C-alpha atoms as a PDB file:
ATOM      1  CA  MET A   1      -1.648  16.449   6.817  1.00  0.00           C
ATOM      2  CA  SER A   2       1.094  13.835   6.672  1.00  0.00           C
ATOM      3  CA  LYS A   3       1.099  14.103   2.850  1.00  0.00           C
ATOM      4  CA  ASN A   4       1.803  17.826   3.182  1.00  0.00           C
ATOM      5  CA  VAL A   5       4.709  17.172   5.551  1.00  0.00           C
ATOM      6  CA  VAL A   6       6.191  14.564   3.201  1.00  0.00           C
ATOM      7  CA  PHE A   7       5.746  16.893   0.235  1.00  0.00           C
ATOM      8  CA  ALA A   8       7.351  19.821   2.080  1.00  0.00           C
ATOM      9  CA  ALA A   9      10.291  17.673   3.215  1.00  0.00           C
ATOM     10  CA  SER A  10      10.812  16.381  -0.335  1.00  0.00           C
ATOM     11  CA  ALA A  11      10.686  19.884  -1.782  1.00  0.00           C
ATOM     12  CA  LEU A  12      13.150  21.128   0.830  1.00  0.00           C
ATOM     13  CA  ALA A  13      15.553  18.265   0.050  1.00  0.00           C
ATOM     14  CA  LEU A  14      15.397  19.083  -3.682  1.00  0.00           C
ATOM     15  CA  VAL A  15      16.056  22.789  -3.096  1.00  0.00           C
ATOM     16  CA  LEU A  16      18.965  22.117  -0.728  1.00  0.00           C
ATOM     17  CA  GLY A  17      20.473  19.608  -3.160  1.00  0.00           C
ATOM     18  CA  ALA A  18      20.211  22.065  -6.049  1.00  0.00           C
ATOM     19  CA  MET A  19      21.761  24.856  -3.949  1.00  0.00           C
ATOM     20  CA  SER A  20      24.655  22.616  -2.937  1.00  0.00           C
ATOM     21  CA  ALA A  21      25.342  21.601  -6.544  1.00  0.00           C
ATOM     22  CA  TYR A  22      25.205  25.240  -7.673  1.00  0.00           C
ATOM     23  CA  ALA A  23      27.566  26.363  -4.902  1.00  0.00           C
ATOM     24  CA  GLN A  24      30.107  23.702  -5.851  1.00  0.00           C
ATOM     25  CA  GLN A  25      29.880  24.667  -9.528  1.00  0.00           C
ATOM     26  CA  ALA A  26      30.101  28.411  -8.813  1.00  0.00           C
ATOM     27  CA  GLY A  27      33.267  27.913  -6.765  1.00  0.00           C
ATOM     28  CA  ALA A  28      35.032  25.985  -9.522  1.00  0.00           C
ATOM     29  CA  PRO A  29      37.636  27.819 -11.581  1.00  0.00           C
ATOM     30  CA  PRO A  30      36.615  28.795 -15.109  1.00  0.00           C
ATOM     31  CA  PRO A  31      37.623  26.420 -17.880  1.00  0.00           C
ATOM     32  CA  GLY A  32      40.934  27.465 -19.454  1.00  0.00           C
ATOM     33  CA  GLY A  33      42.670  30.729 -18.720  1.00  0.00           C
ATOM     34  CA  MET A  34      44.147  31.917 -15.470  1.00  0.00           C
ATOM     35  CA  GLY A  35      41.838  29.857 -13.301  1.00  0.00           C
ATOM     36  CA  ALA A  36      42.949  26.550 -14.781  1.00  0.00           C
ATOM     37  CA  GLY A  37      45.678  24.751 -12.913  1.00  0.00           C
ATOM     38  CA  GLY A  38      45.941  27.174 -10.013  1.00  0.00           C
ATOM     39  CA  PRO A  39      44.555  30.114  -8.138  1.00  0.00           C
ATOM     40  CA  PRO A  40      43.303  33.107 -10.051  1.00  0.00           C
ATOM     41  CA  PRO A  41      45.393  36.261  -9.740  1.00  0.00           C
ATOM     42  CA  GLY A  42      44.646  37.822  -6.383  1.00  0.00           C
ATOM     43  CA  GLY A  43      42.525  34.789  -5.507  1.00  0.00           C
ATOM     44  CA  MET A  44      43.014  32.218  -2.824  1.00  0.00           C
ATOM     45  CA  ALA A  45      45.312  29.236  -2.839  1.00  0.00           C
ATOM     46  CA  ALA A  46      44.315  25.833  -1.517  1.00  0.00           C
ATOM     47  CA  GLY A  47      43.228  26.119   2.093  1.00  0.00           C
ATOM     48  CA  GLY A  48      41.862  29.664   1.676  1.00  0.00           C
ATOM     49  CA  SER A  49      45.172  31.512   2.053  1.00  0.00           C
ATOM     50  CA  PRO A  50      46.423  34.104  -0.429  1.00  0.00           C
ATOM     51  CA  PRO A  51      48.677  32.555  -3.084  1.00  0.00           C
ATOM     52  CA  SER A  52      52.398  32.772  -2.376  1.00  0.00           C
ATOM     53  CA  GLY A  53      55.208  33.352  -4.840  1.00  0.00           C
ATOM     54  CA  ALA A  54      55.818  29.596  -4.740  1.00  0.00           C
ATOM     55  CA  ASP A  55      52.138  28.958  -5.629  1.00  0.00           C
ATOM     56  CA  PHE A  56      52.471  31.353  -8.540  1.00  0.00           C
ATOM     57  CA  VAL A  57      55.620  29.685  -9.884  1.00  0.00           C
ATOM     58  CA  LYS A  58      54.161  26.204  -9.436  1.00  0.00           C
ATOM     59  CA  ARG A  59      51.088  27.204 -11.433  1.00  0.00           C
ATOM     60  CA  PHE A  60      53.052  28.304 -14.522  1.00  0.00           C
ATOM     61  CA  ASP A  61      56.238  26.199 -14.242  1.00  0.00           C
ATOM     62  CA  THR A  62      55.314  23.353 -16.585  1.00  0.00           C
ATOM     63  CA  ASN A  63      58.823  21.847 -16.775  1.00  0.00           C
ATOM     64  CA  SER A  64      59.324  21.939 -12.972  1.00  0.00           C
ATOM     65  CA  ASP A  65      62.660  23.760 -13.071  1.00  0.00           C
ATOM     66  CA  GLY A  66      61.600  26.172 -10.317  1.00  0.00           C
ATOM     67  CA  LYS A  67      61.175  29.213 -12.540  1.00  0.00           C
ATOM     68  CA  ILE A  68      58.797  30.528 -15.190  1.00  0.00           C
ATOM     69  CA  SER A  69      60.044  31.165 -18.704  1.00  0.00           C
ATOM     70  CA  SER A  70      58.313  33.617 -21.020  1.00  0.00           C
ATOM     71  CA  ASP A  71      57.100  30.637 -23.086  1.00  0.00           C
ATOM     72  CA  GLU A  72      55.524  29.032 -20.004  1.00  0.00           C
ATOM     73  CA  TYR A  73      53.849  32.331 -19.106  1.00  0.00           C
ATOM     74  CA  MET A  74      52.606  32.936 -22.656  1.00  0.00           C
ATOM     75  CA  ALA A  75      51.144  29.403 -22.805  1.00  0.00           C
ATOM     76  CA  ASP A  76      48.461  30.690 -20.427  1.00  0.00           C
ATOM     77  CA  PHE A  77      47.660  33.521 -22.856  1.00  0.00           C
ATOM     78  CA  THR A  78      47.325  30.965 -25.654  1.00  0.00           C
ATOM     79  CA  ARG A  79      44.942  28.849 -23.523  1.00  0.00           C
ATOM     80  CA  MET A  80      42.769  31.890 -22.829  1.00  0.00           C
ATOM     81  CA  ASP A  81      42.725  33.072 -26.455  1.00  0.00           C
ATOM     82  CA  ALA A  82      39.902  30.720 -27.497  1.00  0.00           C
ATOM     83  CA  SER A  83      39.336  32.597 -30.765  1.00  0.00           C
ATOM     84  CA  ALA A  84      43.055  32.331 -31.643  1.00  0.00           C
ATOM     85  CA  ASP A  85      43.050  35.947 -32.826  1.00  0.00           C
ATOM     86  CA  GLY A  86      46.039  36.965 -30.700  1.00  0.00           C
ATOM     87  CA  LEU A  87      43.832  38.918 -28.288  1.00  0.00           C
ATOM     88  CA  VAL A  88      42.018  38.040 -25.070  1.00  0.00           C
ATOM     89  CA  ASP A  89      38.723  39.847 -24.605  1.00  0.00           C
ATOM     90  CA  ALA A  90      36.371  39.856 -21.602  1.00  0.00           C
ATOM     91  CA  THR A  91      34.531  36.751 -22.856  1.00  0.00           C
ATOM     92  CA  GLU A  92      37.808  34.800 -22.860  1.00  0.00           C
ATOM     93  CA  ALA A  93      39.280  36.265 -19.662  1.00  0.00           C
ATOM     94  CA  PRO A  94      38.776  34.581 -16.280  1.00  0.00           C
ATOM     95  CA  GLN A  95      35.700  35.634 -14.313  1.00  0.00           C
ATOM     96  CA  GLY A  96      34.443  37.601 -17.317  1.00  0.00           C
ATOM     97  CA  GLY A  97      37.272  40.118 -17.327  1.00  0.00           C
ATOM     98  CA  GLY A  98      36.804  42.513 -14.424  1.00  0.00           C
ATOM     99  CA  ASP A  99      40.015  43.027 -12.442  1.00  0.00           C
ATOM    100  CA  PHE A 100      41.913  40.829 -14.895  1.00  0.00           C
ATOM    101  CA  MET A 101      41.145  43.151 -17.810  1.00  0.00           C
ATOM    102  CA  GLY A 102      41.998  46.169 -15.661  1.00  0.00           C
ATOM    103  CA  LYS A 103      45.412  44.718 -14.823  1.00  0.00           C
ATOM    104  CA  PHE A 104      46.487  43.767 -18.335  1.00  0.00           C
ATOM    105  CA  ASP A 105      44.529  45.989 -20.767  1.00  0.00           C
ATOM    106  CA  LYS A 106      46.763  49.054 -20.700  1.00  0.00           C
ATOM    107  CA  SER A 107      45.424  50.484 -23.977  1.00  0.00           C
ATOM    108  CA  GLY A 108      41.825  50.506 -22.709  1.00  0.00           C
ATOM    109  CA  ASP A 109      40.429  48.793 -25.814  1.00  0.00           C
ATOM    110  CA  GLN A 110      38.827  45.974 -23.767  1.00  0.00           C
ATOM    111  CA  LYS A 111      41.269  43.459 -25.275  1.00  0.00           C
ATOM    112  CA  ILE A 112      44.558  42.133 -23.986  1.00  0.00           C
ATOM    113  CA  SER A 113      47.289  41.795 -26.592  1.00  0.00           C
ATOM    114  CA  LYS A 114      50.270  39.481 -26.356  1.00  0.00           C
ATOM    115  CA  ASP A 115      52.454  42.541 -25.772  1.00  0.00           C
ATOM    116  CA  GLU A 116      50.260  43.743 -22.898  1.00  0.00           C
ATOM    117  CA  PHE A 117      50.320  40.272 -21.317  1.00  0.00           C
ATOM    118  CA  MET A 118      54.082  39.955 -21.804  1.00  0.00           C
ATOM    119  CA  ALA A 119      54.659  43.384 -20.234  1.00  0.00           C
ATOM    120  CA  ASP A 120      53.464  41.879 -16.943  1.00  0.00           C
ATOM    121  CA  PHE A 121      56.065  39.099 -17.235  1.00  0.00           C
ATOM    122  CA  LYS A 122      58.821  41.623 -17.959  1.00  0.00           C
ATOM    123  CA  GLN A 123      57.799  43.692 -14.948  1.00  0.00           C
ATOM    124  CA  MET A 124      57.992  40.623 -12.692  1.00  0.00           C
ATOM    125  CA  ASP A 125      61.403  39.595 -14.133  1.00  0.00           C
ATOM    126  CA  GLN A 126      63.314  42.063 -11.971  1.00  0.00           C
ATOM    127  CA  SER A 127      66.682  40.404 -12.656  1.00  0.00           C
ATOM    128  CA  GLY A 128      66.170  40.642 -16.412  1.00  0.00           C
ATOM    129  CA  ASP A 129      67.309  37.045 -16.944  1.00  0.00           C
ATOM    130  CA  GLY A 130      64.173  36.047 -18.879  1.00  0.00           C
ATOM    131  CA  PHE A 131      62.730  33.998 -16.012  1.00  0.00           C
ATOM    132  CA  VAL A 132      60.521  34.665 -13.001  1.00  0.00           C
ATOM    133  CA  ASP A 133      61.548  32.730  -9.900  1.00  0.00           C
ATOM    134  CA  VAL A 134      59.974  32.563  -6.445  1.00  0.00           C
ATOM    135  CA  SER A 135      61.775  35.711  -5.273  1.00  0.00           C
ATOM    136  CA  GLU A 136      60.291  37.721  -8.180  1.00  0.00           C
ATOM    137  CA  ALA A 137      56.829  36.149  -8.273  1.00  0.00           C
ATOM    138  CA  PRO A 138      53.893  37.995  -6.749  1.00  0.00           C
ATOM    139  CA  GLY A 139      52.998  36.788  -3.295  1.00  0.00           C
ATOM    140  CA  PRO A 140      50.200  37.487  -0.870  1.00  0.00           C
ATOM    141  CA  PRO A 141      49.217  41.096  -0.285  1.00  0.00           C
ATOM    142  CA  PRO A 142      50.902  42.766   2.697  1.00  0.00           C
ATOM    143  CA  GLU A 143      49.197  42.604   6.075  1.00  0.00           C
ATOM    144  CA  ALA A 144      46.981  45.541   6.930  1.00  0.00           C
ATOM    145  CA  GLY A 145      49.095  48.331   8.386  1.00  0.00           C
ATOM    146  CA  ALA A 146      52.356  46.868   7.077  1.00  0.00           C
ATOM    147  CA  ASN A 147      54.804  49.110   5.314  1.00  0.00           C
ATOM    148  CA  PRO A 148      54.545  48.763   1.537  1.00  0.00           C
ATOM    149  CA  PRO A 149      57.578  47.301  -0.232  1.00  0.00           C
ATOM    150  CA  PRO A 150      59.942  49.812  -1.831  1.00  0.00           C
ATOM    151  CA  PRO A 151      59.324  50.536  -5.524  1.00  0.00           C
ATOM    152  CA  PRO A 152      61.470  48.671  -8.053  1.00  0.00           C
ATOM    153  CA  PRO A 153      64.616  50.484  -9.180  1.00  0.00           C
ATOM    154  CA  ALA A 154      64.138  52.888 -12.081  1.00  0.00           C
ATOM    155  CA  ASN A 155      65.495  51.739 -15.417  1.00  0.00           C
END
């Protein structure tokens, strides 16, 4: 009987150890792409809070000047484009595509072009100065029941 108890305890320890290792691995950001170096779009920042505009800028601002240039933003596209074909498909996109593909793939061809990716940058750059700063960067979603922000001015 004591051999059965020892065996059961050993088996339980192995299963719990494997589950813990899997959980840690599953929670890690994907290699390359939007998950590398910061929170995924719409994901959580450190501490479990939604990412702020400052988190967003920090993630892309490689020269630490407090704003994101189009080159800094496009560097993320280049990191994701593992095939170097100028397109990001679902196999290269973070978390296998999903919401990410839906946000950027405006043509519906299941591939994100440089133009489609850059269109997002241009939409964020409300001042039109070629940079996205903290005031233009996407922040956390509004609280439930809060009034939505007004739409951007028509061009």
